[in-house]
Amino acid sequence: MSDKSDSTPASALAELKKGAYSDGHPLDDVQYLECKLILKGDRFTSVESFHEFSKYVKKAAESCEIDFSTKGFKEAVPQLREVLFLDTADYKLYNNAFILRRRTPYKLGFLNGDPEIVFKFRHPDLQTSAQMDVRPKMINTFKIKFKAEMLPLKDQIGGLRMLYSHNVEFSRSQLHEGDGNAMAMLGKIFPPLEALKMTGADKIELVNQTAVAEVLLDLGILDFGKGVTAGANIAVWRTRGDEKQLVGEFAYQIKFQKRDELHAAAMKRNEQFFVSLQLAAQEWLALGMTKTGAVYRLKGNPPQSHE
């Protein structure tokens, strides 16, 4: 494995200091490790493209003595979701490391359940991310997902860097009636936004007037040993209307309750696999990019993100 890295998961996940939010609730701790490779969107022209990349996954897994099982996934069909990013015209949220997203699932062309609202604070520093209280007000049922995200280095193949994504998810139907497009209203739901310099004229709108169609295919299960497994998938994002291919993403996620579940040997194999796959599929990689970043940069003039 290359020694080019900003931080390793084992060391990064051990750094969180104990603390509490203003109401005394202990700081949320990371319970997901999500590993992502952002891929060139124009590589994906059909379902066969997903399976072509899956061959690189299998090859890299074998080289690292990791089991990659596709049993039960060979007949899987792509899932379709619509993804909308919401922000002010001058990107007040994204420039301050916040992301507001609505995701709507479809099945066989029809709405499949309640749209999901996701509010997240994503930052390269673990402690900063943990101390941001993302719990919403006026929402009865929600789920916190605090993720360590492993990405390649921004400018070269063969290493890794970490982002920390502190997320809250809830159903769209729980939002109260009112002007949901006003920053003032969002500040009441998400208290961290009250710290942003807002005016009554600030409105939340669709980022770059772009709706994203996400096509996602589950590929299989990676087994790193010691009880550490992860479901792997590929997602491709394209703009609705002009059908412009934005980016693809290969991702797999390890869920855990306690940090000691992430056995050191399994984590070492994970890092080796992550780098080996970069080297094997380097012609597919889109370095220095995230899916969210691809949407924000559609019109040029990129915002100042923390990604």
Protein backbone atom coordinates (compact mmCIF):
# COMPACT_ATOMS: atom_id res chain seq x y z
CA MET A 1 0.00 0.00 0.00
CA SER A 2 1.19 3.49 -0.76
CA ASP A 3 2.11 5.59 2.27
CA LYS A 4 0.47 8.60 0.66
CA SER A 5 -2.49 9.27 2.93
CA ASP A 6 -4.04 12.05 4.93
CA SER A 7 -5.10 9.66 7.69
CA THR A 8 -6.03 6.02 8.09
CA PRO A 9 -9.42 4.86 9.38
CA ALA A 10 -7.89 3.17 12.42
CA SER A 11 -6.12 6.31 13.63
CA ALA A 12 -8.87 8.71 12.59
CA LEU A 13 -11.62 6.81 14.37
CA ALA A 14 -9.63 6.78 17.59
CA GLU A 15 -9.34 10.56 17.85
CA LEU A 16 -12.83 11.58 18.98
CA LYS A 17 -12.79 13.29 22.36
CA LYS A 18 -15.72 12.93 24.73
CA GLY A 19 -18.14 15.82 24.93
CA ALA A 20 -21.79 16.78 24.86
CA TYR A 21 -24.23 19.05 23.04
CA SER A 22 -25.93 21.99 24.72
CA ASP A 23 -28.68 19.80 26.20
CA GLY A 24 -26.18 17.35 27.70
CA HIS A 25 -26.63 14.66 25.06
CA PRO A 26 -23.27 12.91 24.41
CA LEU A 27 -21.58 13.66 21.10
CA ASP A 28 -22.58 11.32 18.31
CA ASP A 29 -19.87 8.85 17.42
CA VAL A 30 -18.99 7.42 14.01
CA GLN A 31 -20.80 4.16 13.28
CA TYR A 32 -20.25 3.86 9.54
CA LEU A 33 -17.14 3.62 7.41
CA GLU A 34 -18.09 4.38 3.81
CA CYS A 35 -15.43 3.96 1.14
CA LYS A 36 -15.97 5.69 -2.20
CA LEU A 37 -14.34 5.92 -5.59
CA ILE A 38 -15.75 8.66 -7.81
CA LEU A 39 -15.80 7.51 -11.43
CA LYS A 40 -16.08 9.18 -14.82
CA GLY A 41 -19.74 9.46 -15.73
CA ASP A 42 -19.21 8.91 -19.45
CA ARG A 43 -17.92 5.41 -18.73
CA PHE A 44 -21.46 4.30 -17.94
CA THR A 45 -23.67 3.86 -20.97
CA SER A 46 -25.60 0.70 -20.01
CA VAL A 47 -26.06 -1.86 -17.25
CA GLU A 48 -23.18 -3.81 -18.80
CA SER A 49 -20.89 -0.93 -17.78
CA PHE A 50 -21.69 -1.65 -14.12
CA HIS A 51 -20.73 -5.29 -14.55
CA GLU A 52 -17.56 -4.31 -16.39
CA PHE A 53 -16.40 -2.29 -13.38
CA SER A 54 -17.40 -5.17 -11.11
CA LYS A 55 -14.63 -7.22 -12.75
CA TYR A 56 -12.06 -4.73 -11.45
CA VAL A 57 -13.58 -5.07 -7.98
CA LYS A 58 -13.25 -8.84 -8.12
CA LYS A 59 -9.65 -8.65 -9.35
CA ALA A 60 -8.59 -6.20 -6.64
CA ALA A 61 -10.38 -8.24 -3.96
CA GLU A 62 -8.60 -11.43 -5.03
CA SER A 63 -5.22 -9.68 -4.95
CA CYS A 64 -5.87 -8.68 -1.32
CA GLU A 65 -7.30 -12.07 -0.28
CA ILE A 66 -10.75 -10.58 0.23
CA ASP A 67 -13.92 -12.46 -0.64
CA PHE A 68 -16.26 -10.68 -3.05
CA SER A 69 -19.51 -12.60 -3.29
CA THR A 70 -22.04 -11.79 -6.01
CA LYS A 71 -24.33 -14.66 -5.05
CA GLY A 72 -27.89 -13.40 -5.02
CA PHE A 73 -26.97 -10.22 -6.91
CA LYS A 74 -26.56 -11.46 -10.48
CA GLU A 75 -30.24 -10.85 -11.22
CA ALA A 76 -30.33 -7.48 -9.46
CA VAL A 77 -31.91 -4.65 -11.43
CA PRO A 78 -30.95 -0.96 -11.21
CA GLN A 79 -32.82 1.25 -8.75
CA LEU A 80 -33.89 4.75 -9.75
CA ARG A 81 -33.96 7.77 -7.44
CA GLU A 82 -34.31 11.50 -8.01
CA VAL A 83 -31.84 13.66 -6.07
CA LEU A 84 -32.29 17.40 -5.49
CA PHE A 85 -29.78 19.70 -3.79
CA LEU A 86 -31.10 22.86 -2.18
CA ASP A 87 -29.12 25.99 -1.32
CA THR A 88 -29.14 29.77 -1.59
CA ALA A 89 -28.08 31.43 -4.84
CA ASP A 90 -24.66 32.18 -3.33
CA TYR A 91 -24.26 28.69 -1.78
CA LYS A 92 -24.40 29.74 1.87
CA LEU A 93 -24.93 26.15 2.99
CA TYR A 94 -22.28 24.42 0.90
CA ASN A 95 -19.67 27.12 1.54
CA ASN A 96 -20.11 26.45 5.26
CA ALA A 97 -19.84 22.64 4.92
CA PHE A 98 -23.62 21.98 5.03
CA ILE A 99 -25.54 19.95 2.47
CA LEU A 100 -29.33 19.84 2.14
CA ARG A 101 -30.72 17.13 -0.12
CA ARG A 102 -34.05 15.58 -1.01
CA ARG A 103 -34.06 12.07 -2.42
CA THR A 104 -37.11 10.39 -3.94
CA PRO A 105 -37.20 6.65 -4.72
CA TYR A 106 -39.01 5.14 -7.70
CA LYS A 107 -39.90 1.57 -8.55
CA LEU A 108 -40.92 0.51 -12.03
CA GLY A 109 -41.35 4.17 -12.89
CA PHE A 110 -43.59 5.10 -9.95
CA LEU A 111 -43.03 6.85 -6.62
CA ASN A 112 -41.95 4.28 -4.03
CA GLY A 113 -42.41 5.74 -0.56
CA ASP A 114 -42.03 9.12 1.08
CA PRO A 115 -39.22 11.37 -0.20
CA GLU A 116 -36.30 11.60 2.21
CA ILE A 117 -34.73 14.81 3.50
CA VAL A 118 -31.03 14.63 4.38
CA PHE A 119 -29.20 17.42 6.18
CA LYS A 120 -25.49 16.91 6.69
CA PHE A 121 -22.37 18.62 7.91
CA ARG A 122 -19.31 17.27 6.10
CA HIS A 123 -15.81 18.25 7.17
CA PRO A 124 -12.27 16.80 7.10
CA ASP A 125 -11.91 17.12 10.89
CA LEU A 126 -13.58 14.43 12.99
CA GLN A 127 -14.01 16.49 16.16
CA THR A 128 -15.45 19.46 14.29
CA SER A 129 -17.96 17.18 12.60
CA ALA A 130 -18.95 15.44 15.82
CA GLN A 131 -19.53 18.71 17.68
CA MET A 132 -22.03 19.93 15.07
CA ASP A 133 -25.47 19.08 16.45
CA VAL A 134 -27.52 18.17 13.37
CA ARG A 135 -30.65 17.07 15.26
CA PRO A 136 -33.70 18.83 13.77
CA LYS A 137 -36.36 20.76 15.65
CA MET A 138 -40.09 20.21 15.04
CA ILE A 139 -39.38 16.75 13.57
CA ASN A 140 -40.67 13.77 15.53
CA THR A 141 -38.86 10.87 13.86
CA PHE A 142 -35.37 11.07 12.44
CA LYS A 143 -32.20 9.01 12.10
CA ILE A 144 -28.65 10.14 12.77
CA LYS A 145 -25.92 8.66 10.57
CA PHE A 146 -22.38 9.71 11.38
CA LYS A 147 -20.02 8.43 8.71
CA ALA A 148 -16.29 8.35 8.17
CA GLU A 149 -15.87 8.58 4.41
CA MET A 150 -12.75 7.25 2.73
CA LEU A 151 -11.87 8.85 -0.62
CA PRO A 152 -8.77 8.81 -2.85
CA LEU A 153 -6.35 11.70 -2.65
CA LYS A 154 -7.51 14.70 -4.64
CA ASP A 155 -4.61 14.84 -7.10
CA GLN A 156 -3.04 11.39 -7.36
CA ILE A 157 -3.84 7.70 -7.37
CA GLY A 158 -2.62 5.38 -4.64
CA GLY A 159 -3.63 6.94 -1.33
CA LEU A 160 -6.61 7.92 0.76
CA ARG A 161 -8.12 10.84 2.61
CA MET A 162 -10.96 11.11 5.09
CA LEU A 163 -14.09 13.22 5.34
CA TYR A 164 -16.60 13.01 8.20
CA SER A 165 -20.27 13.30 7.34
CA HIS A 166 -22.65 13.98 10.23
CA ASN A 167 -26.10 13.32 8.78
CA VAL A 168 -29.72 13.41 9.85
CA GLU A 169 -32.46 11.82 7.74
CA PHE A 170 -36.25 12.10 7.98
CA SER A 171 -39.29 11.80 5.76
CA ARG A 172 -40.50 14.78 3.74
CA SER A 173 -44.03 14.40 5.11
CA GLN A 174 -42.85 15.51 8.57
CA LEU A 175 -42.10 19.05 7.45
CA HIS A 176 -44.67 21.51 8.73
CA GLU A 177 -46.65 23.78 6.48
CA GLY A 178 -45.05 27.12 5.76
CA ASP A 179 -42.45 28.69 3.54
CA GLY A 180 -40.01 25.81 3.40
CA ASN A 181 -37.88 27.75 0.92
CA ALA A 182 -37.02 30.53 3.37
CA MET A 183 -33.71 30.39 5.22
CA ALA A 184 -35.47 31.65 8.33
CA MET A 185 -37.71 28.57 8.31
CA LEU A 186 -34.78 26.24 7.77
CA GLY A 187 -32.99 27.88 10.68
CA LYS A 188 -35.87 26.88 12.95
CA ILE A 189 -35.62 23.26 11.78
CA PHE A 190 -31.82 23.07 11.70
CA PRO A 191 -30.38 25.30 14.49
CA PRO A 192 -26.79 25.28 13.11
CA LEU A 193 -28.01 27.34 10.16
CA GLU A 194 -28.95 30.21 12.48
CA ALA A 195 -25.22 31.02 12.72
CA LEU A 196 -25.05 31.81 9.00
CA LYS A 197 -25.43 35.41 7.94
CA MET A 198 -28.92 35.37 6.48
CA THR A 199 -31.36 37.98 5.31
CA GLY A 200 -35.08 37.82 4.79
CA ALA A 201 -34.46 37.78 1.06
CA ASP A 202 -32.43 34.56 1.14
CA LYS A 203 -34.33 31.73 -0.46
CA ILE A 204 -33.55 28.07 -0.84
CA GLU A 205 -33.58 26.96 -4.46
CA LEU A 206 -32.56 24.04 -6.62
CA VAL A 207 -28.78 24.09 -7.04
CA ASN A 208 -27.96 25.04 -10.64
CA GLN A 209 -31.62 24.38 -11.52
CA THR A 210 -30.61 20.73 -11.80
CA ALA A 211 -32.50 17.59 -10.88
CA VAL A 212 -30.37 14.47 -10.77
CA ALA A 213 -31.46 10.99 -11.83
CA GLU A 214 -29.52 8.38 -9.86
CA VAL A 215 -29.25 4.84 -11.23
CA LEU A 216 -27.90 2.45 -8.58
CA LEU A 217 -27.01 -1.23 -8.86
CA ASP A 218 -26.07 -3.50 -5.96
CA LEU A 219 -23.05 -5.62 -6.90
CA GLY A 220 -22.29 -7.94 -4.00
CA ILE A 221 -20.73 -8.35 -0.55
CA LEU A 222 -17.10 -7.71 0.37
CA ASP A 223 -15.79 -9.78 3.30
CA PHE A 224 -12.62 -8.41 4.91
CA GLY A 225 -12.51 -11.11 7.59
CA LYS A 226 -12.96 -10.92 11.36
CA GLY A 227 -16.69 -10.34 10.86
CA VAL A 228 -16.18 -7.13 8.85
CA THR A 229 -18.38 -7.10 5.72
CA ALA A 230 -19.77 -4.43 3.40
CA GLY A 231 -22.37 -4.27 0.68
CA ALA A 232 -20.96 -2.80 -2.54
CA ASN A 233 -22.78 -0.87 -5.25
CA ILE A 234 -22.32 1.49 -8.17
CA ALA A 235 -24.38 4.64 -8.69
CA VAL A 236 -24.43 6.82 -11.78
CA TRP A 237 -25.73 10.39 -11.72
CA ARG A 238 -27.07 12.21 -14.75
CA THR A 239 -29.05 15.39 -15.15
CA ARG A 240 -32.74 15.07 -15.88
CA GLY A 241 -33.85 16.68 -19.10
CA ASP A 242 -30.61 16.84 -21.08
CA GLU A 243 -29.43 13.46 -19.69
CA LYS A 244 -25.87 14.67 -19.15
CA GLN A 245 -23.71 12.05 -17.45
CA LEU A 246 -22.17 13.65 -14.35
CA VAL A 247 -20.26 11.07 -12.32
CA GLY A 248 -20.34 7.49 -11.20
CA GLU A 249 -19.49 6.17 -7.77
CA PHE A 250 -18.37 2.80 -6.52
CA ALA A 251 -19.10 2.57 -2.80
CA TYR A 252 -19.21 0.10 0.06
CA GLN A 253 -20.20 0.69 3.65
CA ILE A 254 -19.17 -0.99 6.89
CA LYS A 255 -21.58 -0.53 9.80
CA PHE A 256 -20.48 -1.04 13.40
CA GLN A 257 -21.69 -0.28 16.91
CA LYS A 258 -18.33 -0.13 18.67
CA ARG A 259 -14.92 0.76 17.31
CA ASP A 260 -13.34 -2.50 18.46
CA GLU A 261 -15.53 -4.30 15.91
CA LEU A 262 -13.19 -2.87 13.26
CA HIS A 263 -10.45 -5.45 13.65
CA ALA A 264 -7.01 -4.11 12.71
CA ALA A 265 -6.28 -6.93 10.25
CA ALA A 266 -9.61 -6.40 8.46
CA MET A 267 -9.02 -2.65 8.28
CA LYS A 268 -5.56 -3.23 6.83
CA ARG A 269 -7.06 -5.44 4.11
CA ASN A 270 -9.68 -2.78 3.47
CA GLU A 271 -7.05 -0.09 2.89
CA GLN A 272 -5.02 -2.42 0.67
CA PHE A 273 -8.12 -3.21 -1.39
CA PHE A 274 -9.06 0.46 -1.65
CA VAL A 275 -5.65 1.35 -3.09
CA SER A 276 -5.42 -1.78 -5.28
CA LEU A 277 -8.77 -0.96 -6.89
CA GLN A 278 -7.60 2.58 -7.65
CA LEU A 279 -4.54 1.20 -9.42
CA ALA A 280 -6.48 -1.46 -11.32
CA ALA A 281 -9.26 0.90 -12.49
CA GLN A 282 -7.36 4.18 -12.76
CA GLU A 283 -8.76 4.91 -16.22
CA TRP A 284 -12.22 5.09 -14.63
CA LEU A 285 -11.36 7.44 -11.75
CA ALA A 286 -12.44 11.08 -11.44
CA LEU A 287 -10.04 12.45 -8.82
CA GLY A 288 -10.79 15.46 -6.66
CA MET A 289 -14.53 15.10 -7.09
CA THR A 290 -17.60 14.11 -5.10
CA LYS A 291 -21.12 13.51 -6.42
CA THR A 292 -22.36 16.62 -4.62
CA GLY A 293 -19.44 18.64 -5.96
CA ALA A 294 -20.27 17.59 -9.52
CA VAL A 295 -23.73 19.16 -9.21
CA TYR A 296 -22.46 22.39 -7.64
CA ARG A 297 -19.84 22.80 -10.36
CA LEU A 298 -22.15 22.31 -13.32
CA LYS A 299 -22.21 26.00 -14.25
CA GLY A 300 -18.56 26.68 -13.47
CA ASN A 301 -17.63 29.16 -10.73
CA PRO A 302 -17.25 26.43 -8.07
CA PRO A 303 -18.14 27.23 -4.45
CA GLN A 304 -15.66 27.04 -1.57
CA SER A 305 -16.52 23.63 -0.18
CA HIS A 306 -14.88 21.61 2.60
CA GLU A 307 -14.79 18.42 0.54
